[in-house]
Amino acid sequence: MSNKKHFRMSIRTKGILMIFAFALVIIMTSMTYFSLVTSNNNTEQYKTIANNLAATTASVVDPTEFNTLKEEVDVIYQASPSKPTSEDLDEGRVSEENMEAYISQYEAIQSEPVFLKVRDFLRKIESANNVYADCLYLIYLDKPNQHFIYVVDSAPEDDACPPGWIDPLYDFNSKVLDDPTIGFPAYITKTPQYGWLVTSGSPVYDSSNKVIGYACCDISMDLVRKTQADSIMTLFMYLMISLVIVSTVGAITIHFVFMRPVQNIAKVANSYDPNNIDATHEVFKDLAVKTNDELTDLAESLKKIESDVKHHIEEITIKNKELAVSQNKTKRMKELANSDGLTGVRNKVAWNSDVARQNKHIKQHKDSDFAIVMVDLNYLKETNDKYGHDTGDICLKRLAKLICNVYAHSPVYRIGGDEFAVILKGEDYADRVHLEDSFKTKIAANLADKTIIEKHKISAAIGTASYDKEKDRRVEDVFKRADKLMYACKKEMKSRK
């Protein structure tokens, strides 16, 4: 037995050589963290600016002129039989033509001297704060309907919300219904119509100290976020350069200090035969690692560990089988969650998920050949009222089956009570014109079929729109066109009846 003493250096001591590398990474990570904190602080700063601009505008606008315009708008608003909101327009519950017809009622107000005076006054305030303000506008609240109605908007005519334009009251602003004086403390929204904005609204009082409406300020967050993103990207580049340098130094150190003994351990570990595990459960038995540090201790521990592995294999196998059963149950539950209980086609949850996935594909690839088909069952309410909801359900199921038969290679969704949608790709996309004609032919044949009892016959309108990379940014753009075409088809069918 040799009495030669070996110099022993612990892994802790060797690890000191790596402290510099980890410290640098931690510093850079901290810098990134603080940049994000700064970003949040900037957001709060712009909220404060929005609050101040809204309060300033509310304090200097002429309440008499505001109230005059508000009363003119409200007379038309109250008399209007329909009050479509911007949300109705975005979600296809009202057509653009109907919205334009509603807004046209207020056109005369926009040429009145008092309107022009108030609008120009708002534009002067906006111009004086053009570093921050995106637009200023005056609104008032319709408490019963929980809407707020635009009176004057400082934005250019093409972008301005005209008098009478209606936006829904967000839930997080609902406190104003109980206390009109609190207004709309600054909040951030991101919508397709208005973009990414910080919005604030302050109450405007009349001579009797009564709240007559609100002066609101919008600040675009896009430029702010872009500047912050550029700063983070610059910081990221510095981090990557530092990381490369430190990693190079660390790699050289690790190679000579750690890798050689570790490679010996890895070589033995790799000698395990995956096709004959039982025959290789003692490969660490003859492993010799003489680094006189924790790696030696690790090698001894591995020898002990391998003796226990065999005893756990059977237990792990059982658990894997249980896991597979659980995964199958989870998969089935997911399928049920995405299926419409009545018709068996996919439901609104599946539609939203697939639309989000398609939008991501459009954003990444731009070129994307697909089309949206909208189908709406005609006279469902009349059928339910005349024959009962059971008959209506039968008609819905018959329509779902017909759609599935025509669009056999595409996913079909029930997205509303009597509304169905189909996403066409591949073979069905290429044959979309013929398939729409086939659908109309089958609907006509169904209506003419004397073997089908009258209450089970179905009438449905259809519209098909294809994605256009030049003008469509999202699936919703294609959907709106398909919906519009479907309503045109419905109108034509009803005119022929």
Protein backbone atom coordinates (compact mmCIF):
# COMPACT_ATOMS: atom_id res chain seq x y z
CA MET A 1 0.00 0.00 0.00
CA SER A 2 1.45 3.37 -1.03
CA ASN A 3 1.94 6.04 1.64
CA LYS A 4 2.37 8.78 -0.98
CA LYS A 5 0.31 11.81 -0.11
CA HIS A 6 -1.89 13.29 -2.77
CA PHE A 7 -2.72 16.94 -3.00
CA ARG A 8 -6.47 17.30 -2.50
CA MET A 9 -8.43 20.23 -3.86
CA SER A 10 -12.13 20.31 -3.15
CA ILE A 11 -14.71 21.00 -5.80
CA ARG A 12 -15.61 24.09 -3.83
CA THR A 13 -12.08 25.42 -4.35
CA LYS A 14 -12.15 24.53 -8.00
CA GLY A 15 -15.55 26.18 -8.28
CA ILE A 16 -14.04 29.51 -7.30
CA LEU A 17 -12.59 29.62 -10.79
CA MET A 18 -16.15 29.75 -12.12
CA ILE A 19 -17.38 32.51 -9.81
CA PHE A 20 -16.35 35.20 -12.24
CA ALA A 21 -18.43 33.66 -15.00
CA PHE A 22 -21.52 33.26 -12.83
CA ALA A 23 -21.08 36.73 -11.34
CA LEU A 24 -21.03 38.30 -14.80
CA VAL A 25 -24.16 36.45 -15.83
CA ILE A 26 -25.88 37.50 -12.61
CA ILE A 27 -24.90 41.13 -13.23
CA MET A 28 -26.29 41.06 -16.74
CA THR A 29 -29.46 39.35 -15.56
CA SER A 30 -29.85 42.02 -12.91
CA MET A 31 -29.44 44.70 -15.57
CA THR A 32 -32.21 43.07 -17.58
CA TYR A 33 -34.40 42.92 -14.49
CA PHE A 34 -33.87 46.58 -13.74
CA SER A 35 -34.62 47.48 -17.36
CA LEU A 36 -37.98 45.73 -16.97
CA VAL A 37 -38.57 47.59 -13.70
CA THR A 38 -37.81 50.81 -15.56
CA SER A 39 -40.30 49.80 -18.22
CA ASN A 40 -42.99 49.37 -15.57
CA ASN A 41 -42.07 52.73 -14.07
CA ASN A 42 -42.39 54.33 -17.49
CA THR A 43 -45.84 52.83 -17.84
CA GLU A 44 -46.87 54.33 -14.51
CA GLN A 45 -45.34 57.64 -15.59
CA TYR A 46 -47.47 57.70 -18.75
CA LYS A 47 -50.54 56.84 -16.72
CA THR A 48 -49.82 59.88 -14.56
CA ILE A 49 -49.34 62.05 -17.68
CA ALA A 50 -52.66 60.80 -19.10
CA ASN A 51 -54.43 61.57 -15.80
CA ASN A 52 -52.94 65.07 -15.74
CA LEU A 53 -53.80 65.85 -19.38
CA ALA A 54 -57.36 64.61 -18.92
CA ALA A 55 -57.75 66.68 -15.74
CA THR A 56 -56.29 69.76 -17.42
CA THR A 57 -58.61 69.41 -20.41
CA ALA A 58 -61.62 68.91 -18.14
CA SER A 59 -60.75 72.07 -16.21
CA VAL A 60 -60.34 74.36 -19.26
CA VAL A 61 -63.02 73.12 -21.66
CA ASP A 62 -66.15 75.31 -21.74
CA PRO A 63 -68.85 73.27 -19.94
CA THR A 64 -71.67 75.27 -21.54
CA GLU A 65 -70.47 74.52 -25.06
CA PHE A 66 -69.83 70.90 -24.13
CA ASN A 67 -73.30 70.58 -22.63
CA THR A 68 -74.91 72.16 -25.71
CA LEU A 69 -73.26 69.60 -27.99
CA LYS A 70 -73.97 66.77 -25.57
CA GLU A 71 -77.71 67.59 -25.53
CA GLU A 72 -77.85 67.67 -29.35
CA VAL A 73 -76.10 64.31 -29.55
CA ASP A 74 -78.25 62.80 -26.80
CA VAL A 75 -81.51 63.82 -28.51
CA ILE A 76 -80.50 61.86 -31.60
CA TYR A 77 -79.04 59.03 -29.51
CA GLN A 78 -82.19 58.57 -27.43
CA ALA A 79 -84.42 58.70 -30.52
CA SER A 80 -82.35 56.18 -32.46
CA PRO A 81 -84.09 52.77 -32.60
CA SER A 82 -80.72 50.96 -32.64
CA LYS A 83 -77.59 51.85 -30.72
CA PRO A 84 -74.75 49.78 -32.21
CA THR A 85 -71.46 49.92 -30.31
CA SER A 86 -67.91 49.64 -31.59
CA GLU A 87 -67.79 46.20 -29.96
CA ASP A 88 -70.86 45.11 -31.98
CA LEU A 89 -69.07 46.20 -35.16
CA ASP A 90 -65.82 44.41 -34.23
CA GLU A 91 -67.62 41.16 -33.41
CA GLY A 92 -69.87 41.21 -36.50
CA ARG A 93 -73.14 41.75 -34.65
CA VAL A 94 -73.77 44.82 -36.78
CA SER A 95 -72.72 45.51 -40.37
CA GLU A 96 -70.64 48.48 -41.49
CA GLU A 97 -73.58 49.73 -43.54
CA ASN A 98 -75.84 49.76 -40.47
CA MET A 99 -73.15 51.52 -38.43
CA GLU A 100 -72.71 54.15 -41.14
CA ALA A 101 -76.47 54.66 -41.27
CA TYR A 102 -76.55 55.18 -37.51
CA ILE A 103 -73.61 57.64 -37.50
CA SER A 104 -74.99 59.61 -40.46
CA GLN A 105 -77.73 60.92 -38.14
CA TYR A 106 -75.13 63.09 -36.41
CA GLU A 107 -73.46 64.59 -39.52
CA ALA A 108 -75.11 67.99 -39.19
CA ILE A 109 -73.61 68.47 -35.72
CA GLN A 110 -70.06 68.25 -37.10
CA SER A 111 -70.53 71.40 -39.19
CA GLU A 112 -71.94 73.52 -36.36
CA PRO A 113 -69.73 76.43 -35.22
CA VAL A 114 -69.83 75.33 -31.59
CA PHE A 115 -68.64 71.83 -32.56
CA LEU A 116 -65.79 73.21 -34.66
CA LYS A 117 -64.83 75.62 -31.87
CA VAL A 118 -64.65 72.91 -29.21
CA ARG A 119 -62.82 70.51 -31.55
CA ASP A 120 -60.23 73.16 -32.49
CA PHE A 121 -59.76 73.98 -28.82
CA LEU A 122 -59.04 70.32 -28.05
CA ARG A 123 -56.60 70.20 -30.98
CA LYS A 124 -54.73 73.20 -29.55
CA ILE A 125 -54.33 71.41 -26.24
CA GLU A 126 -53.24 68.26 -28.07
CA SER A 127 -50.75 70.24 -30.18
CA ALA A 128 -49.23 71.78 -27.05
CA ASN A 129 -48.74 68.25 -25.67
CA ASN A 130 -47.97 66.43 -28.91
CA VAL A 131 -45.03 64.62 -27.31
CA TYR A 132 -47.54 62.66 -25.26
CA ALA A 133 -51.15 63.10 -26.37
CA ASP A 134 -52.45 60.88 -29.17
CA CYS A 135 -55.91 62.45 -29.05
CA LEU A 136 -58.32 64.24 -26.70
CA TYR A 137 -62.08 63.78 -26.75
CA LEU A 138 -65.26 64.57 -24.84
CA ILE A 139 -67.76 61.87 -23.95
CA TYR A 140 -70.76 61.37 -21.70
CA LEU A 141 -72.12 58.27 -19.95
CA ASP A 142 -75.37 56.42 -20.66
CA LYS A 143 -75.76 54.68 -17.32
CA PRO A 144 -78.78 52.43 -18.14
CA ASN A 145 -77.02 50.87 -21.16
CA GLN A 146 -73.52 51.19 -19.66
CA HIS A 147 -72.25 52.95 -22.77
CA PHE A 148 -70.26 56.11 -23.21
CA ILE A 149 -71.03 58.28 -26.22
CA TYR A 150 -68.57 60.47 -28.09
CA VAL A 151 -69.36 64.17 -28.50
CA VAL A 152 -66.13 65.70 -29.87
CA ASP A 153 -62.82 64.03 -30.88
CA SER A 154 -59.64 65.99 -31.65
CA ALA A 155 -58.23 63.29 -33.96
CA PRO A 156 -58.15 63.88 -37.75
CA GLU A 157 -61.47 63.22 -39.48
CA ASP A 158 -60.40 59.82 -40.86
CA ASP A 159 -59.38 58.60 -37.41
CA ALA A 160 -61.78 60.47 -35.16
CA CYS A 161 -64.74 58.83 -33.49
CA PRO A 162 -67.71 60.91 -34.77
CA PRO A 163 -70.45 62.31 -32.53
CA GLY A 164 -72.76 59.55 -31.40
CA TRP A 165 -70.07 56.84 -31.62
CA ILE A 166 -70.64 54.33 -28.82
CA ASP A 167 -68.07 52.39 -26.85
CA PRO A 168 -69.01 49.89 -24.14
CA LEU A 169 -68.10 50.62 -20.55
CA TYR A 170 -65.34 48.22 -19.43
CA ASP A 171 -65.97 46.24 -16.26
CA PHE A 172 -62.94 47.74 -14.53
CA ASN A 173 -64.47 51.21 -15.03
CA SER A 174 -67.87 50.24 -13.65
CA LYS A 175 -67.30 52.17 -10.39
CA VAL A 176 -68.16 55.34 -12.32
CA LEU A 177 -71.78 54.14 -12.41
CA ASP A 178 -71.99 54.58 -8.63
CA ASP A 179 -69.77 57.63 -8.39
CA PRO A 180 -69.55 59.72 -11.59
CA THR A 181 -66.97 62.01 -10.02
CA ILE A 182 -64.20 59.38 -10.03
CA GLY A 183 -64.04 59.42 -13.85
CA PHE A 184 -61.72 56.94 -15.53
CA PRO A 185 -58.34 56.62 -13.78
CA ALA A 186 -55.62 55.80 -16.32
CA TYR A 187 -55.76 52.27 -17.72
CA ILE A 188 -54.09 50.42 -20.60
CA THR A 189 -55.96 48.70 -23.43
CA LYS A 190 -54.87 46.98 -26.62
CA THR A 191 -57.57 46.54 -29.27
CA PRO A 192 -57.58 46.03 -33.06
CA GLN A 193 -59.53 49.25 -33.55
CA TYR A 194 -57.67 51.69 -31.26
CA GLY A 195 -54.26 50.03 -30.83
CA TRP A 196 -52.19 50.06 -27.63
CA LEU A 197 -53.26 53.02 -25.51
CA VAL A 198 -53.11 54.59 -22.09
CA THR A 199 -56.52 56.17 -21.51
CA SER A 200 -57.72 58.49 -18.77
CA GLY A 201 -60.93 60.45 -18.27
CA SER A 202 -61.73 63.32 -15.87
CA PRO A 203 -65.21 64.64 -15.08
CA VAL A 204 -66.42 67.95 -16.53
CA TYR A 205 -68.71 69.91 -14.21
CA ASP A 206 -71.40 72.46 -15.09
CA SER A 207 -72.08 75.65 -13.16
CA SER A 208 -74.09 73.72 -10.55
CA ASN A 209 -71.16 71.39 -9.94
CA LYS A 210 -72.91 68.46 -11.65
CA VAL A 211 -70.95 66.00 -13.81
CA ILE A 212 -72.07 66.46 -17.41
CA GLY A 213 -69.45 64.28 -19.08
CA TYR A 214 -65.77 63.46 -19.26
CA ALA A 215 -62.67 64.85 -20.94
CA CYS A 216 -60.52 61.91 -22.03
CA CYS A 217 -56.94 61.57 -23.17
CA ASP A 218 -55.36 58.73 -25.19
CA ILE A 219 -51.59 58.22 -25.27
CA SER A 220 -50.15 55.69 -27.70
CA MET A 221 -47.86 53.17 -26.02
CA ASP A 222 -46.41 51.81 -29.26
CA LEU A 223 -43.55 54.33 -29.51
CA VAL A 224 -42.80 54.03 -25.79
CA ARG A 225 -42.65 50.26 -25.97
CA LYS A 226 -40.51 50.37 -29.12
CA THR A 227 -37.93 52.58 -27.40
CA GLN A 228 -37.91 50.30 -24.39
CA ALA A 229 -37.60 47.24 -26.63
CA ASP A 230 -34.62 48.80 -28.42
CA SER A 231 -32.92 49.41 -25.07
CA ILE A 232 -33.54 45.85 -23.96
CA MET A 233 -32.21 44.52 -27.27
CA THR A 234 -29.02 46.57 -26.86
CA LEU A 235 -28.66 45.27 -23.34
CA PHE A 236 -29.22 41.74 -24.63
CA MET A 237 -26.45 42.14 -27.21
CA TYR A 238 -23.99 43.24 -24.51
CA LEU A 239 -25.10 40.29 -22.41
CA MET A 240 -24.49 37.85 -25.27
CA ILE A 241 -21.01 39.26 -25.99
CA SER A 242 -20.09 39.05 -22.31
CA LEU A 243 -21.53 35.58 -22.09
CA VAL A 244 -19.42 34.38 -25.04
CA ILE A 245 -16.22 35.74 -23.49
CA VAL A 246 -16.93 34.35 -20.04
CA SER A 247 -18.09 31.02 -21.46
CA THR A 248 -14.84 30.65 -23.40
CA VAL A 249 -12.76 31.20 -20.28
CA GLY A 250 -15.04 28.93 -18.28
CA ALA A 251 -14.93 26.19 -20.90
CA ILE A 252 -11.11 26.10 -20.86
CA THR A 253 -11.09 25.91 -17.07
CA ILE A 254 -13.78 23.24 -16.96
CA HIS A 255 -11.99 21.13 -19.54
CA PHE A 256 -8.80 20.79 -17.55
CA VAL A 257 -10.28 20.79 -14.05
CA PHE A 258 -13.53 18.86 -14.37
CA MET A 259 -14.04 17.30 -17.77
CA ARG A 260 -11.34 14.63 -17.72
CA PRO A 261 -12.57 12.85 -14.57
CA VAL A 262 -16.17 13.44 -15.58
CA GLN A 263 -15.47 11.93 -19.00
CA ASN A 264 -14.26 8.78 -17.28
CA ILE A 265 -17.54 8.58 -15.39
CA ALA A 266 -19.52 9.34 -18.57
CA LYS A 267 -17.62 6.68 -20.51
CA VAL A 268 -18.67 4.05 -18.00
CA ALA A 269 -22.23 5.37 -17.93
CA ASN A 270 -22.44 5.23 -21.75
CA SER A 271 -21.41 1.60 -21.66
CA TYR A 272 -24.92 0.70 -20.53
CA ASP A 273 -26.63 -1.37 -23.21
CA PRO A 274 -30.16 0.03 -23.65
CA ASN A 275 -31.22 -3.27 -25.20
CA ASN A 276 -29.97 -5.36 -22.29
CA ILE A 277 -30.33 -3.27 -19.16
CA ASP A 278 -30.24 -6.21 -16.74
CA ALA A 279 -26.76 -7.19 -17.92
CA THR A 280 -25.18 -3.80 -17.22
CA HIS A 281 -26.19 -2.97 -13.68
CA GLU A 282 -22.66 -3.21 -12.28
CA VAL A 283 -20.62 -1.25 -14.83
CA PHE A 284 -19.55 1.25 -12.17
CA LYS A 285 -18.05 -1.52 -10.07
CA ASP A 286 -14.56 -1.21 -11.57
CA LEU A 287 -14.66 2.59 -12.08
CA ALA A 288 -11.52 4.26 -10.77
CA VAL A 289 -11.60 8.03 -10.26
CA LYS A 290 -8.59 9.25 -8.24
CA THR A 291 -9.01 13.01 -8.23
CA ASN A 292 -9.03 13.04 -4.43
CA ASP A 293 -12.00 15.39 -4.30
CA GLU A 294 -15.76 15.23 -4.43
CA LEU A 295 -15.60 13.56 -7.87
CA THR A 296 -14.05 10.53 -6.17
CA ASP A 297 -16.94 10.63 -3.69
CA LEU A 298 -19.34 10.90 -6.64
CA ALA A 299 -17.90 7.78 -8.27
CA GLU A 300 -18.37 5.83 -5.05
CA SER A 301 -21.91 7.12 -4.76
CA LEU A 302 -22.66 6.00 -8.32
CA LYS A 303 -21.53 2.49 -7.44
CA LYS A 304 -24.04 2.48 -4.62
CA ILE A 305 -26.79 4.06 -6.71
CA GLU A 306 -26.52 1.49 -9.48
CA SER A 307 -27.14 -1.27 -6.98
CA ASP A 308 -30.51 0.29 -6.22
CA VAL A 309 -31.55 0.98 -9.82
CA LYS A 310 -32.76 -2.52 -10.58
CA HIS A 311 -35.06 -2.48 -7.58
CA HIS A 312 -36.77 0.66 -8.86
CA ILE A 313 -37.21 -0.34 -12.52
CA GLU A 314 -40.30 -2.41 -11.87
CA GLU A 315 -41.86 0.34 -9.76
CA ILE A 316 -41.14 2.94 -12.48
CA THR A 317 -42.66 0.66 -15.13
CA ILE A 318 -45.88 0.40 -13.15
CA LYS A 319 -46.03 4.16 -12.71
CA ASN A 320 -45.46 4.69 -16.43
CA LYS A 321 -48.44 2.47 -17.21
CA GLU A 322 -50.58 4.46 -14.76
CA LEU A 323 -49.36 7.68 -16.37
CA ALA A 324 -50.31 6.42 -19.84
CA VAL A 325 -53.86 5.67 -18.61
CA SER A 326 -54.08 9.14 -17.06
CA GLN A 327 -52.84 10.77 -20.28
CA ASN A 328 -55.48 8.91 -22.31
CA LYS A 329 -58.18 10.15 -19.94
CA THR A 330 -56.85 13.71 -20.18
CA LYS A 331 -56.83 13.51 -23.98
CA ARG A 332 -60.45 12.31 -23.99
CA MET A 333 -61.51 15.10 -21.61
CA LYS A 334 -59.80 17.66 -23.85
CA GLU A 335 -61.66 16.28 -26.89
CA LEU A 336 -64.98 16.58 -25.04
CA ALA A 337 -64.15 20.12 -23.93
CA ASN A 338 -63.64 21.14 -27.56
CA SER A 339 -66.80 19.49 -28.93
CA ASP A 340 -70.30 20.95 -29.25
CA GLY A 341 -72.63 18.84 -27.12
CA LEU A 342 -75.57 19.03 -29.53
CA THR A 343 -74.08 18.64 -32.99
CA GLY A 344 -70.79 16.90 -32.25
CA VAL A 345 -68.76 19.40 -34.30
CA ARG A 346 -66.09 21.58 -32.72
CA ASN A 347 -67.24 24.33 -30.38
CA LYS A 348 -66.39 28.00 -29.79
CA VAL A 349 -63.48 27.03 -27.49
CA ALA A 350 -61.89 25.01 -30.30
CA TRP A 351 -62.62 27.82 -32.77
CA ASN A 352 -60.86 30.42 -30.60
CA SER A 353 -57.86 28.12 -30.13
CA ASP A 354 -57.53 27.33 -33.86
CA VAL A 355 -58.00 30.98 -34.84
CA ALA A 356 -55.23 31.99 -32.43
CA ARG A 357 -52.99 29.29 -33.93
CA GLN A 358 -53.78 30.47 -37.48
CA ASN A 359 -53.12 34.11 -36.51
CA LYS A 360 -49.73 33.10 -35.17
CA HIS A 361 -49.01 31.31 -38.46
CA ILE A 362 -50.03 34.41 -40.44
CA LYS A 363 -47.80 36.61 -38.32
CA GLN A 364 -44.80 34.31 -38.82
CA HIS A 365 -45.24 33.33 -42.47
CA LYS A 366 -47.59 35.95 -44.07
CA ASP A 367 -48.26 33.58 -47.02
CA SER A 368 -51.10 31.34 -45.91
CA ASP A 369 -53.71 29.77 -48.18
CA PHE A 370 -56.97 29.34 -46.31
CA ALA A 371 -60.59 30.43 -46.44
CA ILE A 372 -63.40 30.90 -43.93
CA VAL A 373 -66.92 29.62 -44.59
CA MET A 374 -69.81 31.06 -42.57
CA VAL A 375 -73.14 29.18 -42.47
CA ASP A 376 -76.26 30.38 -40.67
CA LEU A 377 -79.43 28.37 -40.16
CA ASN A 378 -82.45 30.37 -41.33
CA TYR A 379 -85.67 30.62 -39.33
CA LEU A 380 -84.38 28.84 -36.20
CA LYS A 381 -86.39 31.09 -33.91
CA GLU A 382 -89.55 30.55 -35.95
CA THR A 383 -88.96 26.77 -35.87
CA ASN A 384 -88.44 26.81 -32.09
CA ASP A 385 -91.55 28.95 -31.56
CA LYS A 386 -93.74 26.87 -33.87
CA TYR A 387 -92.52 23.30 -33.28
CA GLY A 388 -90.46 23.49 -30.10
CA HIS A 389 -86.76 23.48 -29.32
CA ASP A 390 -86.44 19.73 -29.94
CA THR A 391 -87.28 20.32 -33.59
CA GLY A 392 -84.85 23.24 -33.69
CA ASP A 393 -82.14 20.96 -32.31
CA ILE A 394 -82.89 18.38 -35.01
CA CYS A 395 -82.52 21.06 -37.69
CA LEU A 396 -79.20 22.20 -36.20
CA LYS A 397 -77.90 18.63 -36.19
CA ARG A 398 -79.07 18.05 -39.77
CA LEU A 399 -77.33 21.24 -40.89
CA ALA A 400 -74.12 20.28 -39.04
CA LYS A 401 -74.17 16.87 -40.75
CA LEU A 402 -74.70 18.46 -44.17
CA ILE A 403 -71.80 20.88 -43.63
CA CYS A 404 -69.53 18.04 -42.53
CA ASN A 405 -70.48 16.00 -45.60
CA VAL A 406 -69.77 18.87 -48.01
CA TYR A 407 -66.55 20.01 -46.31
CA ALA A 408 -65.34 16.52 -45.51
CA HIS A 409 -61.67 17.46 -45.19
CA SER A 410 -62.05 20.59 -43.05
CA PRO A 411 -62.81 21.34 -39.36
CA VAL A 412 -66.39 22.48 -38.72
CA TYR A 413 -67.28 24.66 -35.71
CA ARG A 414 -70.50 25.75 -34.09
CA ILE A 415 -69.66 29.30 -32.97
CA GLY A 416 -73.16 30.51 -32.05
CA GLY A 417 -76.71 29.34 -31.59
CA ASP A 418 -77.40 29.00 -35.30
CA GLU A 419 -73.98 29.90 -36.71
CA PHE A 420 -71.36 27.51 -38.05
CA ALA A 421 -67.89 28.21 -39.41
CA VAL A 422 -65.41 26.15 -41.43
CA ILE A 423 -61.67 26.72 -41.96
CA LEU A 424 -60.69 25.54 -45.44
CA LYS A 425 -57.18 24.45 -46.31
CA GLY A 426 -55.59 22.08 -48.80
CA GLU A 427 -58.04 20.11 -50.94
CA ASP A 428 -61.21 21.88 -49.69
CA TYR A 429 -59.55 25.29 -50.10
CA ALA A 430 -58.66 24.52 -53.73
CA ASP A 431 -62.24 23.32 -54.37
CA ARG A 432 -63.98 26.05 -52.32
CA VAL A 433 -66.12 27.50 -55.15
CA HIS A 434 -67.47 24.09 -56.18
CA LEU A 435 -68.08 23.13 -52.54
CA GLU A 436 -70.14 26.27 -51.88
CA ASP A 437 -72.24 25.51 -54.98
CA SER A 438 -72.62 21.92 -53.79
CA PHE A 439 -73.82 23.15 -50.39
CA LYS A 440 -76.42 25.42 -51.96
CA THR A 441 -77.57 22.58 -54.23
CA LYS A 442 -78.00 20.23 -51.26
CA ILE A 443 -79.92 22.86 -49.32
CA ALA A 444 -82.24 23.37 -52.30
CA ALA A 445 -82.67 19.61 -52.74
CA ASN A 446 -83.50 19.27 -49.05
CA LEU A 447 -86.18 21.93 -49.31
CA ALA A 448 -87.68 20.24 -52.40
CA ASP A 449 -87.51 16.70 -50.96
CA LYS A 450 -91.10 15.58 -50.26
CA THR A 451 -89.89 12.62 -48.19
CA ILE A 452 -88.70 15.01 -45.50
CA ILE A 453 -91.40 16.34 -43.21
CA GLU A 454 -91.80 20.09 -43.42
CA LYS A 455 -90.60 20.94 -39.94
CA HIS A 456 -87.32 19.05 -40.47
CA LYS A 457 -86.41 20.81 -43.70
CA ILE A 458 -83.53 23.22 -43.32
CA SER A 459 -82.72 26.52 -45.00
CA ALA A 460 -79.26 28.02 -44.55
CA ALA A 461 -77.24 30.94 -45.90
CA ILE A 462 -73.54 30.60 -46.73
CA GLY A 463 -70.61 32.93 -47.38
CA THR A 464 -67.00 32.07 -48.29
CA ALA A 465 -64.03 34.46 -48.05
CA SER A 466 -60.37 33.68 -48.84
CA TYR A 467 -57.34 35.09 -47.06
CA ASP A 468 -55.71 37.97 -48.93
CA LYS A 469 -52.15 38.61 -47.77
CA GLU A 470 -52.27 42.14 -49.16
CA LYS A 471 -55.12 43.33 -46.93
CA ASP A 472 -55.74 40.72 -44.22
CA ARG A 473 -53.71 40.80 -41.04
CA ARG A 474 -55.77 38.38 -38.96
CA VAL A 475 -58.27 35.57 -39.35
CA GLU A 476 -60.93 37.98 -38.07
CA ASP A 477 -60.55 40.09 -41.23
CA VAL A 478 -61.39 37.06 -43.41
CA PHE A 479 -64.18 36.08 -41.02
CA LYS A 480 -65.84 39.47 -41.33
CA ARG A 481 -65.93 39.22 -45.12
CA ALA A 482 -67.33 35.70 -44.99
CA ASP A 483 -69.95 36.85 -42.48
CA LYS A 484 -70.88 39.77 -44.71
CA LEU A 485 -71.24 37.46 -47.74
CA MET A 486 -73.33 35.06 -45.69
CA TYR A 487 -75.72 37.85 -44.68
CA ALA A 488 -75.97 38.93 -48.32
CA CYS A 489 -76.88 35.33 -49.21
CA LYS A 490 -79.46 35.25 -46.39
CA LYS A 491 -81.01 38.49 -47.64
CA GLU A 492 -81.21 37.13 -51.19
CA MET A 493 -82.81 33.86 -50.00
CA LYS A 494 -85.43 35.70 -47.99
CA SER A 495 -86.23 37.95 -50.95
CA ARG A 496 -86.96 34.87 -53.09
CA LYS A 497 -89.19 33.27 -50.50
